[in-house]
Amino acid sequence: MYIIKVKGIAKIPDYVQLRDDKFTLLAYFRVDRPDKSLEKLGLGDQQDYIMEMVKDLPFGQIAKLEI
């Protein structure tokens, strides 16, 4: 799974994308509201780990997420 942090512009907030190994979009959620999307994907128990990676990830870079 891959994670990408997208910088928002003006009134559009920052977002996070989670993609699988074929780069298919699995989840797309606001940085400040990950709860529902991660629960829906079955990753609610990994939320702290994922959000810690998001905090350290520069905008526009892709990182491999080991879950």
Protein backbone atom coordinates (compact mmCIF):
# COMPACT_ATOMS: atom_id res chain seq x y z
CA MET A 1 0.00 0.00 0.00
CA TYR A 2 1.17 3.53 -0.78
CA ILE A 3 0.42 6.85 0.86
CA ILE A 4 0.49 10.32 -0.70
CA LYS A 5 -0.13 13.66 1.01
CA VAL A 6 -1.70 16.28 -1.27
CA LYS A 7 -1.41 20.00 -0.48
CA GLY A 8 -4.68 21.92 -0.61
CA ILE A 9 -4.99 25.31 -2.25
CA ALA A 10 -6.90 28.29 -0.81
CA LYS A 11 -10.11 26.90 0.72
CA ILE A 12 -9.39 23.29 -0.30
CA PRO A 13 -7.83 21.39 2.66
CA ASP A 14 -4.88 18.99 2.61
CA TYR A 15 -5.77 15.41 1.68
CA VAL A 16 -4.25 11.93 1.97
CA GLN A 17 -4.51 9.21 -0.65
CA LEU A 18 -4.07 5.52 0.10
CA ARG A 19 -3.36 3.35 -2.95
CA ASP A 20 -2.79 -0.38 -3.40
CA ASP A 21 0.18 -2.03 -5.16
CA LYS A 22 -1.47 -1.52 -8.56
CA PHE A 23 -1.89 2.16 -7.58
CA THR A 24 -5.69 1.94 -7.44
CA LEU A 25 -7.18 4.56 -5.13
CA LEU A 26 -8.42 2.90 -1.91
CA ALA A 27 -9.13 5.94 0.26
CA TYR A 28 -9.06 9.71 -0.06
CA PHE A 29 -9.55 11.71 3.13
CA ARG A 30 -8.78 15.03 4.77
CA VAL A 31 -5.69 15.10 6.96
CA ASP A 32 -7.76 16.32 9.91
CA ARG A 33 -10.59 13.75 9.44
CA PRO A 34 -9.25 10.25 8.76
CA ASP A 35 -11.69 8.33 11.00
CA LYS A 36 -14.51 7.25 8.68
CA SER A 37 -12.34 6.47 5.66
CA LEU A 38 -9.89 4.31 7.59
CA GLU A 39 -12.71 2.49 9.40
CA LYS A 40 -14.45 1.82 6.08
CA LEU A 41 -11.21 0.41 4.65
CA GLY A 42 -10.69 -1.78 7.73
CA LEU A 43 -7.65 0.15 8.94
CA GLY A 44 -9.18 1.87 11.96
CA ASP A 45 -6.79 0.02 14.28
CA GLN A 46 -3.82 1.34 12.24
CA GLN A 47 -4.96 4.98 12.33
CA ASP A 48 -2.24 6.19 14.73
CA TYR A 49 0.52 4.58 12.64
CA ILE A 50 -0.86 5.96 9.35
CA MET A 51 -1.36 9.47 10.69
CA GLU A 52 2.17 9.48 12.15
CA MET A 53 3.49 8.70 8.65
CA VAL A 54 1.28 11.45 7.20
CA LYS A 55 2.66 13.98 9.67
CA ASP A 56 6.26 13.27 8.60
CA LEU A 57 5.57 12.88 4.86
CA PRO A 58 6.35 15.87 2.60
CA PHE A 59 3.59 17.00 0.26
CA GLY A 60 3.56 15.31 -3.14
CA GLN A 61 5.85 12.41 -2.24
CA ILE A 62 4.83 8.78 -2.33
CA ALA A 63 5.77 6.47 0.54
CA LYS A 64 5.36 2.71 0.91
CA LEU A 65 3.04 1.90 3.81
CA GLU A 66 3.83 -1.43 5.46
CA ILE A 67 0.68 -2.81 7.07
